[in-house]
PDB file of N, CA and C in Angstrom:
ATOM      1  N   MET A   1     125.020 118.083 155.339  1.00  0.00           N
ATOM      2  CA  MET A   1     126.480 117.713 155.923  1.00  0.00           C
ATOM      3  C   MET A   1     126.462 117.663 157.805  1.00  0.00           C
ATOM      4  N   LYS A   2     126.426 116.291 157.435  1.00  0.00           N
ATOM      5  CA  LYS A   2     126.453 115.987 159.224  1.00  0.00           C
ATOM      6  C   LYS A   2     127.244 115.753 159.856  1.00  0.00           C
ATOM      7  N   ARG A   3     127.667 116.805 161.145  1.00  0.00           N
ATOM      8  CA  ARG A   3     129.003 116.400 161.811  1.00  0.00           C
ATOM      9  C   ARG A   3     128.924 116.151 163.240  1.00  0.00           C
ATOM     10  N   ARG A   4     129.855 115.135 164.412  1.00  0.00           N
ATOM     11  CA  ARG A   4     129.484 114.779 165.390  1.00  0.00           C
ATOM     12  C   ARG A   4     130.405 116.160 166.441  1.00  0.00           C
ATOM     13  N   PHE A   5     130.103 116.435 167.625  1.00  0.00           N
ATOM     14  CA  PHE A   5     130.525 117.560 168.254  1.00  0.00           C
ATOM     15  C   PHE A   5     130.464 117.093 169.823  1.00  0.00           C
ATOM     16  N   TYR A   6     131.802 116.624 169.877  1.00  0.00           N
ATOM     17  CA  TYR A   6     131.930 116.562 171.313  1.00  0.00           C
ATOM     18  C   TYR A   6     131.786 117.765 172.639  1.00  0.00           C
ATOM     19  N   THR A   7     131.261 117.357 173.414  1.00  0.00           N
ATOM     20  CA  THR A   7     130.987 118.796 174.310  1.00  0.00           C
ATOM     21  C   THR A   7     131.989 118.845 175.307  1.00  0.00           C
ATOM     22  N   GLN A   8     132.147 119.830 176.178  1.00  0.00           N
ATOM     23  CA  GLN A   8     132.863 120.121 177.265  1.00  0.00           C
ATOM     24  C   GLN A   8     132.196 120.504 178.858  1.00  0.00           C
ATOM     25  N   GLY A   9     132.154 120.194 179.419  1.00  0.00           N
ATOM     26  CA  GLY A   9     131.256 120.546 180.981  1.00  0.00           C
ATOM     27  C   GLY A   9     129.979 120.570 181.346  1.00  0.00           C
ATOM     28  N   ILE A  10     129.544 119.918 179.923  1.00  0.00           N
ATOM     29  CA  ILE A  10     128.112 119.599 180.495  1.00  0.00           C
ATOM     30  C   ILE A  10     127.676 118.238 180.286  1.00  0.00           C
ATOM     31  N   CYS A  11     126.443 118.090 181.071  1.00  0.00           N
ATOM     32  CA  CYS A  11     126.011 116.457 180.961  1.00  0.00           C
ATOM     33  C   CYS A  11     125.782 115.950 179.867  1.00  0.00           C
ATOM     34  N   CYS A  12     125.711 116.143 178.296  1.00  0.00           N
ATOM     35  CA  CYS A  12     125.551 115.855 177.603  1.00  0.00           C
ATOM     36  C   CYS A  12     126.903 115.388 176.720  1.00  0.00           C
ATOM     37  N   LYS A  13     127.022 114.458 176.642  1.00  0.00           N
ATOM     38  CA  LYS A  13     128.533 114.168 175.711  1.00  0.00           C
ATOM     39  C   LYS A  13     129.321 114.440 174.551  1.00  0.00           C
ATOM     40  N   ALA A  14     128.161 114.490 173.384  1.00  0.00           N
ATOM     41  CA  ALA A  14     128.067 114.585 172.023  1.00  0.00           C
ATOM     42  C   ALA A  14     126.847 115.271 171.697  1.00  0.00           C
ATOM     43  N   PHE A  15     126.936 115.197 170.303  1.00  0.00           N
ATOM     44  CA  PHE A  15     126.013 116.006 169.716  1.00  0.00           C
ATOM     45  C   PHE A  15     125.905 115.921 168.081  1.00  0.00           C
ATOM     46  N   ASP A  16     125.536 115.505 166.915  1.00  0.00           N
ATOM     47  CA  ASP A  16     125.404 115.304 165.820  1.00  0.00           C
ATOM     48  C   ASP A  16     124.477 116.670 165.626  1.00  0.00           C
ATOM     49  N   ILE A  17     125.361 117.379 164.277  1.00  0.00           N
ATOM     50  CA  ILE A  17     124.669 118.426 163.817  1.00  0.00           C
ATOM     51  C   ILE A  17     124.786 118.225 161.975  1.00  0.00           C
ATOM     52  N   GLU A  18     123.505 118.740 161.754  1.00  0.00           N
ATOM     53  CA  GLU A  18     123.672 118.719 160.095  1.00  0.00           C
ATOM     54  C   GLU A  18     122.680 120.238 159.557  1.00  0.00           C
ATOM     55  N   VAL A  19     123.813 120.825 158.624  1.00  0.00           N
ATOM     56  CA  VAL A  19     123.569 121.863 158.027  1.00  0.00           C
ATOM     57  C   VAL A  19     123.606 121.432 156.546  1.00  0.00           C
ATOM     58  N   GLU A  20     122.781 122.781 156.111  1.00  0.00           N
ATOM     59  CA  GLU A  20     122.279 122.474 154.587  1.00  0.00           C
ATOM     60  C   GLU A  20     122.172 123.658 154.192  1.00  0.00           C
ATOM     61  N   ASP A  21     122.765 124.771 153.577  1.00  0.00           N
ATOM     62  CA  ASP A  21     122.543 125.619 153.015  1.00  0.00           C
ATOM     63  C   ASP A  21     122.642 126.924 154.271  1.00  0.00           C
ATOM     64  N   GLY A  22     123.333 126.932 154.967  1.00  0.00           N
ATOM     65  CA  GLY A  22     123.880 127.555 156.286  1.00  0.00           C
ATOM     66  C   GLY A  22     122.592 127.599 157.191  1.00  0.00           C
ATOM     67  N   LYS A  23     121.304 126.407 156.938  1.00  0.00           N
ATOM     68  CA  LYS A  23     120.656 126.589 158.082  1.00  0.00           C
ATOM     69  C   LYS A  23     120.507 125.165 158.351  1.00  0.00           C
ATOM     70  N   VAL A  24     120.277 125.074 160.429  1.00  0.00           N
ATOM     71  CA  VAL A  24     120.297 123.826 160.702  1.00  0.00           C
ATOM     72  C   VAL A  24     119.175 122.929 160.581  1.00  0.00           C
ATOM     73  N   LYS A  25     119.770 121.771 159.628  1.00  0.00           N
ATOM     74  CA  LYS A  25     118.555 120.904 159.079  1.00  0.00           C
ATOM     75  C   LYS A  25     118.725 119.969 160.503  1.00  0.00           C
ATOM     76  N   SER A  26     119.383 119.468 161.433  1.00  0.00           N
ATOM     77  CA  SER A  26     118.528 118.693 162.579  1.00  0.00           C
ATOM     78  C   SER A  26     120.198 119.040 163.553  1.00  0.00           C
ATOM     79  N   VAL A  27     119.784 118.542 164.729  1.00  0.00           N
ATOM     80  CA  VAL A  27     120.388 118.466 166.204  1.00  0.00           C
ATOM     81  C   VAL A  27     120.124 117.253 166.895  1.00  0.00           C
ATOM     82  N   LYS A  28     120.896 115.999 167.333  1.00  0.00           N
ATOM     83  CA  LYS A  28     121.116 115.316 168.054  1.00  0.00           C
ATOM     84  C   LYS A  28     121.790 114.687 168.897  1.00  0.00           C
ATOM     85  N   TYR A  29     121.565 114.600 170.083  1.00  0.00           N
ATOM     86  CA  TYR A  29     122.018 114.885 171.760  1.00  0.00           C
ATOM     87  C   TYR A  29     122.289 113.612 172.027  1.00  0.00           C
ATOM     88  N   TYR A  30     123.166 113.209 172.331  1.00  0.00           N
ATOM     89  CA  TYR A  30     123.774 112.093 173.087  1.00  0.00           C
ATOM     90  C   TYR A  30     124.079 112.546 174.484  1.00  0.00           C
ATOM     91  N   GLY A  31     122.981 111.748 175.569  1.00  0.00           N
ATOM     92  CA  GLY A  31     123.512 112.024 177.019  1.00  0.00           C
ATOM     93  C   GLY A  31     122.889 113.254 177.156  1.00  0.00           C
ATOM     94  N   GLY A  32     122.901 113.368 178.742  1.00  0.00           N
ATOM     95  CA  GLY A  32     122.067 114.622 179.209  1.00  0.00           C
ATOM     96  C   GLY A  32     120.475 114.292 179.467  1.00  0.00           C
ATOM     97  N   CYS A  33     120.125 115.242 179.651  1.00  0.00           N
ATOM     98  CA  CYS A  33     118.340 115.692 179.843  1.00  0.00           C
ATOM     99  C   CYS A  33     117.842 115.537 178.357  1.00  0.00           C
ATOM    100  N   SER A  34     117.232 114.310 178.069  1.00  0.00           N
ATOM    101  CA  SER A  34     116.463 114.364 177.094  1.00  0.00           C
ATOM    102  C   SER A  34     115.429 115.561 176.632  1.00  0.00           C
ATOM    103  N   GLY A  35     114.488 115.686 177.469  1.00  0.00           N
ATOM    104  CA  GLY A  35     113.821 116.589 177.310  1.00  0.00           C
ATOM    105  C   GLY A  35     114.503 117.956 177.064  1.00  0.00           C
ATOM    106  N   ASN A  36     115.570 118.458 177.610  1.00  0.00           N
ATOM    107  CA  ASN A  36     116.529 119.806 176.976  1.00  0.00           C
ATOM    108  C   ASN A  36     116.902 119.871 175.480  1.00  0.00           C
ATOM    109  N   GLY A  37     117.546 118.003 175.269  1.00  0.00           N
ATOM    110  CA  GLY A  37     117.930 117.977 173.978  1.00  0.00           C
ATOM    111  C   GLY A  37     117.479 118.090 172.903  1.00  0.00           C
ATOM    112  N   GLN A  38     115.801 117.632 173.055  1.00  0.00           N
ATOM    113  CA  GLN A  38     114.598 117.590 172.102  1.00  0.00           C
ATOM    114  C   GLN A  38     114.367 118.674 171.982  1.00  0.00           C
ATOM    115  N   GLY A  39     113.814 119.309 173.067  1.00  0.00           N
ATOM    116  CA  GLY A  39     113.504 121.476 173.000  1.00  0.00           C
ATOM    117  C   GLY A  39     114.330 121.936 172.281  1.00  0.00           C
ATOM    118  N   ILE A  40     115.418 121.766 172.625  1.00  0.00           N
ATOM    119  CA  ILE A  40     116.331 122.857 171.751  1.00  0.00           C
ATOM    120  C   ILE A  40     116.470 122.747 170.043  1.00  0.00           C
ATOM    121  N   SER A  41     116.494 120.806 170.373  1.00  0.00           N
ATOM    122  CA  SER A  41     116.622 120.650 169.000  1.00  0.00           C
ATOM    123  C   SER A  41     115.614 120.807 167.996  1.00  0.00           C
ATOM    124  N   SER A  42     114.234 120.722 168.334  1.00  0.00           N
ATOM    125  CA  SER A  42     113.094 120.986 167.369  1.00  0.00           C
ATOM    126  C   SER A  42     112.974 122.673 167.354  1.00  0.00           C
ATOM    127  N   LEU A  43     113.727 123.530 168.642  1.00  0.00           N
ATOM    128  CA  LEU A  43     113.565 124.992 168.185  1.00  0.00           C
ATOM    129  C   LEU A  43     114.425 125.800 167.459  1.00  0.00           C
ATOM    130  N   VAL A  44     115.692 125.036 167.109  1.00  0.00           N
ATOM    131  CA  VAL A  44     116.704 125.576 165.976  1.00  0.00           C
ATOM    132  C   VAL A  44     116.872 125.064 164.871  1.00  0.00           C
ATOM    133  N   VAL A  45     116.013 124.079 164.680  1.00  0.00           N
ATOM    134  CA  VAL A  45     115.587 123.539 163.078  1.00  0.00           C
ATOM    135  C   VAL A  45     115.294 124.653 162.470  1.00  0.00           C
ATOM    136  N   GLY A  46     115.574 124.295 160.981  1.00  0.00           N
ATOM    137  CA  GLY A  46     115.381 125.604 160.281  1.00  0.00           C
ATOM    138  C   GLY A  46     115.821 127.019 160.589  1.00  0.00           C
ATOM    139  N   MET A  47     116.374 127.449 161.359  1.00  0.00           N
ATOM    140  CA  MET A  47     117.113 128.468 161.803  1.00  0.00           C
ATOM    141  C   MET A  47     118.425 128.870 161.230  1.00  0.00           C
ATOM    142  N   SER A  48     118.875 129.909 160.656  1.00  0.00           N
ATOM    143  CA  SER A  48     120.118 129.862 160.519  1.00  0.00           C
ATOM    144  C   SER A  48     121.142 129.887 161.306  1.00  0.00           C
ATOM    145  N   VAL A  49     122.157 128.981 160.733  1.00  0.00           N
ATOM    146  CA  VAL A  49     123.600 128.970 161.701  1.00  0.00           C
ATOM    147  C   VAL A  49     123.980 130.506 162.396  1.00  0.00           C
ATOM    148  N   ASP A  50     123.966 131.366 161.743  1.00  0.00           N
ATOM    149  CA  ASP A  50     124.310 132.790 162.737  1.00  0.00           C
ATOM    150  C   ASP A  50     123.137 132.954 163.941  1.00  0.00           C
ATOM    151  N   ASP A  51     122.077 132.948 163.408  1.00  0.00           N
ATOM    152  CA  ASP A  51     121.012 133.313 164.596  1.00  0.00           C
ATOM    153  C   ASP A  51     120.802 132.368 165.578  1.00  0.00           C
ATOM    154  N   VAL A  52     121.057 130.882 165.240  1.00  0.00           N
ATOM    155  CA  VAL A  52     121.287 129.821 166.566  1.00  0.00           C
ATOM    156  C   VAL A  52     122.592 130.578 167.574  1.00  0.00           C
ATOM    157  N   ILE A  53     123.662 130.490 166.974  1.00  0.00           N
ATOM    158  CA  ILE A  53     124.941 131.289 167.821  1.00  0.00           C
ATOM    159  C   ILE A  53     124.580 132.435 168.297  1.00  0.00           C
ATOM    160  N   SER A  54     123.751 133.424 167.551  1.00  0.00           N
ATOM    161  CA  SER A  54     123.652 134.831 168.152  1.00  0.00           C
ATOM    162  C   SER A  54     123.187 134.387 169.264  1.00  0.00           C
ATOM    163  N   ARG A  55     121.823 133.469 169.436  1.00  0.00           N
ATOM    164  CA  ARG A  55     120.725 133.518 169.950  1.00  0.00           C
ATOM    165  C   ARG A  55     121.049 132.477 171.798  1.00  0.00           C
ATOM    166  N   LEU A  56     122.006 131.647 171.406  1.00  0.00           N
ATOM    167  CA  LEU A  56     122.726 130.716 172.431  1.00  0.00           C
ATOM    168  C   LEU A  56     124.001 130.793 172.991  1.00  0.00           C
ATOM    169  N   LYS A  57     124.745 131.658 172.450  1.00  0.00           N
ATOM    170  CA  LYS A  57     125.935 132.010 172.687  1.00  0.00           C
ATOM    171  C   LYS A  57     125.669 132.430 174.224  1.00  0.00           C
ATOM    172  N   GLY A  58     126.774 131.709 175.225  1.00  0.00           N
ATOM    173  CA  GLY A  58     126.606 132.317 176.325  1.00  0.00           C
ATOM    174  C   GLY A  58     126.143 132.126 177.452  1.00  0.00           C
ATOM    175  N   ILE A  59     124.924 131.224 177.120  1.00  0.00           N
ATOM    176  CA  ILE A  59     124.014 130.489 178.214  1.00  0.00           C
ATOM    177  C   ILE A  59     124.590 129.879 178.744  1.00  0.00           C
ATOM    178  N   ASN A  60     124.355 129.822 180.034  1.00  0.00           N
ATOM    179  CA  ASN A  60     125.238 129.564 181.764  1.00  0.00           C
ATOM    180  C   ASN A  60     123.922 128.751 182.046  1.00  0.00           C
ATOM    181  N   CYS A  61     124.634 127.433 182.226  1.00  0.00           N
ATOM    182  CA  CYS A  61     124.051 126.641 183.670  1.00  0.00           C
ATOM    183  C   CYS A  61     124.310 126.205 184.589  1.00  0.00           C
ATOM    184  N   GLY A  62     124.032 126.494 185.783  1.00  0.00           N
ATOM    185  CA  GLY A  62     124.484 125.847 187.464  1.00  0.00           C
ATOM    186  C   GLY A  62     125.386 126.341 187.699  1.00  0.00           C
ATOM    187  N   GLY A  63     126.466 127.835 186.791  1.00  0.00           N
ATOM    188  CA  GLY A  63     127.860 128.285 187.314  1.00  0.00           C
ATOM    189  C   GLY A  63     128.803 127.561 186.283  1.00  0.00           C
ATOM    190  N   LYS A  64     128.369 126.518 185.637  1.00  0.00           N
ATOM    191  CA  LYS A  64     129.517 125.602 184.621  1.00  0.00           C
ATOM    192  C   LYS A  64     130.372 126.494 183.645  1.00  0.00           C
ATOM    193  N   GLY A  65     129.559 127.792 183.515  1.00  0.00           N
ATOM    194  CA  GLY A  65     130.290 128.521 182.529  1.00  0.00           C
ATOM    195  C   GLY A  65     129.600 128.319 180.862  1.00  0.00           C
ATOM    196  N   THR A  66     129.311 127.159 180.730  1.00  0.00           N
ATOM    197  CA  THR A  66     128.876 127.026 179.653  1.00  0.00           C
ATOM    198  C   THR A  66     127.103 125.842 179.949  1.00  0.00           C
ATOM    199  N   SER A  67     126.584 126.008 178.897  1.00  0.00           N
ATOM    200  CA  SER A  67     125.569 124.821 178.694  1.00  0.00           C
ATOM    201  C   SER A  67     125.277 123.942 177.752  1.00  0.00           C
ATOM    202  N   CYS A  68     124.169 123.528 177.892  1.00  0.00           N
ATOM    203  CA  CYS A  68     123.680 122.773 176.598  1.00  0.00           C
ATOM    204  C   CYS A  68     123.457 123.813 174.978  1.00  0.00           C
ATOM    205  N   PRO A  69     122.613 124.543 175.461  1.00  0.00           N
ATOM    206  CA  PRO A  69     122.448 125.671 174.739  1.00  0.00           C
ATOM    207  C   PRO A  69     123.649 126.270 174.046  1.00  0.00           C
ATOM    208  N   ASP A  70     124.503 126.946 174.814  1.00  0.00           N
ATOM    209  CA  ASP A  70     125.877 127.288 174.674  1.00  0.00           C
ATOM    210  C   ASP A  70     126.672 126.435 173.983  1.00  0.00           C
ATOM    211  N   GLN A  71     127.281 125.178 174.223  1.00  0.00           N
ATOM    212  CA  GLN A  71     127.606 123.737 173.141  1.00  0.00           C
ATOM    213  C   GLN A  71     127.458 124.044 172.240  1.00  0.00           C
ATOM    214  N   LEU A  72     126.017 124.078 171.585  1.00  0.00           N
ATOM    215  CA  LEU A  72     125.420 124.009 170.106  1.00  0.00           C
ATOM    216  C   LEU A  72     125.992 124.988 169.787  1.00  0.00           C
ATOM    217  N   ALA A  73     125.966 126.207 170.130  1.00  0.00           N
ATOM    218  CA  ALA A  73     126.644 127.798 169.443  1.00  0.00           C
ATOM    219  C   ALA A  73     127.839 127.404 169.347  1.00  0.00           C
ATOM    220  N   CYS A  74     128.854 126.972 170.427  1.00  0.00           N
ATOM    221  CA  CYS A  74     130.287 126.812 170.182  1.00  0.00           C
ATOM    222  C   CYS A  74     130.790 125.035 168.958  1.00  0.00           C
ATOM    223  N   ALA A  75     129.777 124.486 168.942  1.00  0.00           N
ATOM    224  CA  ALA A  75     129.713 123.225 167.908  1.00  0.00           C
ATOM    225  C   ALA A  75     129.420 124.129 166.611  1.00  0.00           C
ATOM    226  N   LEU A  76     128.615 125.033 166.224  1.00  0.00           N
ATOM    227  CA  LEU A  76     128.487 125.475 165.013  1.00  0.00           C
ATOM    228  C   LEU A  76     129.408 126.701 164.576  1.00  0.00           C
ATOM    229  N   GLU A  77     129.763 127.267 165.284  1.00  0.00           N
ATOM    230  CA  GLU A  77     130.832 128.267 165.381  1.00  0.00           C
ATOM    231  C   GLU A  77     132.771 127.268 164.616  1.00  0.00           C
ATOM    232  N   HIS A  78     132.406 126.077 165.115  1.00  0.00           N
ATOM    233  CA  HIS A  78     133.729 125.033 164.834  1.00  0.00           C
ATOM    234  C   HIS A  78     133.308 124.512 163.331  1.00  0.00           C
ATOM    235  N   PHE A  79     131.885 124.150 163.673  1.00  0.00           N
ATOM    236  CA  PHE A  79     131.429 123.806 162.170  1.00  0.00           C
ATOM    237  C   PHE A  79     131.310 124.602 161.079  1.00  0.00           C
ATOM    238  N   GLU A  80     131.346 125.887 161.305  1.00  0.00           N
ATOM    239  CA  GLU A  80     131.620 127.225 159.918  1.00  0.00           C
ATOM    240  C   GLU A  80     132.911 127.523 159.769  1.00  0.00           C
ATOM    241  N   ARG A  81     133.938 127.088 160.753  1.00  0.00           N
ATOM    242  CA  ARG A  81     135.303 127.347 160.297  1.00  0.00           C
ATOM    243  C   ARG A  81     135.998 125.819 159.836  1.00  0.00           C
ATOM    244  N   GLY A  82     134.914 124.661 159.630  1.00  0.00           N
ATOM    245  CA  GLY A  82     135.375 123.703 159.001  1.00  0.00           C
ATOM    246  C   GLY A  82     136.045 122.771 160.137  1.00  0.00           C
ATOM    247  N   GLU A  83     135.572 122.895 161.427  1.00  0.00           N
ATOM    248  CA  GLU A  83     136.547 122.142 162.346  1.00  0.00           C
ATOM    249  C   GLU A  83     136.605 121.053 162.684  1.00  0.00           C
ATOM    250  N   MET A  84     135.320 120.441 162.234  1.00  0.00           N
ATOM    251  CA  MET A  84     134.676 119.386 162.869  1.00  0.00           C
ATOM    252  C   MET A  84     134.687 118.365 162.097  1.00  0.00           C
ATOM    253  N   VAL A  85     135.072 117.056 162.515  1.00  0.00           N
ATOM    254  CA  VAL A  85     135.293 115.937 161.548  1.00  0.00           C
ATOM    255  C   VAL A  85     133.800 115.223 161.202  1.00  0.00           C
ATOM    256  N   LYS A  86     134.193 114.756 159.811  1.00  0.00           N
ATOM    257  CA  LYS A  86     132.772 114.380 159.870  1.00  0.00           C
ATOM    258  C   LYS A  86     132.049 113.010 159.970  1.00  0.00           C
ATOM    259  N   GLU A  87     131.473 112.886 160.790  1.00  0.00           N
ATOM    260  CA  GLU A  87     130.667 111.552 161.151  1.00  0.00           C
ATOM    261  C   GLU A  87     130.867 110.559 160.289  1.00  0.00           C
ATOM    262  N   SER A  88     131.425 109.233 160.848  1.00  0.00           N
ATOM    263  CA  SER A  88     131.276 108.352 159.895  1.00  0.00           C
ATOM    264  C   SER A  88     130.284 107.076 160.148  1.00  0.00           C
TER     265      SER A  88
END
């Protein structure tokens, strides 16, 4: 199932997350540093949602109180709770 998450407090404006059987199938970042988004996406594909959350939650970028990895963890938490709108 693919869902879109709109970020807060980072350069990236949104990303699409696809999860299947409790594992991250794909992540696509919109905006921000292309290399960072591609790198994070490549690293988390195939990981369980819980593992991604535990590894990325709380990472801070430049004193913003959040980061691209942290926002991905937040999005996956929302995803697990069914709080994200399905992408059209």
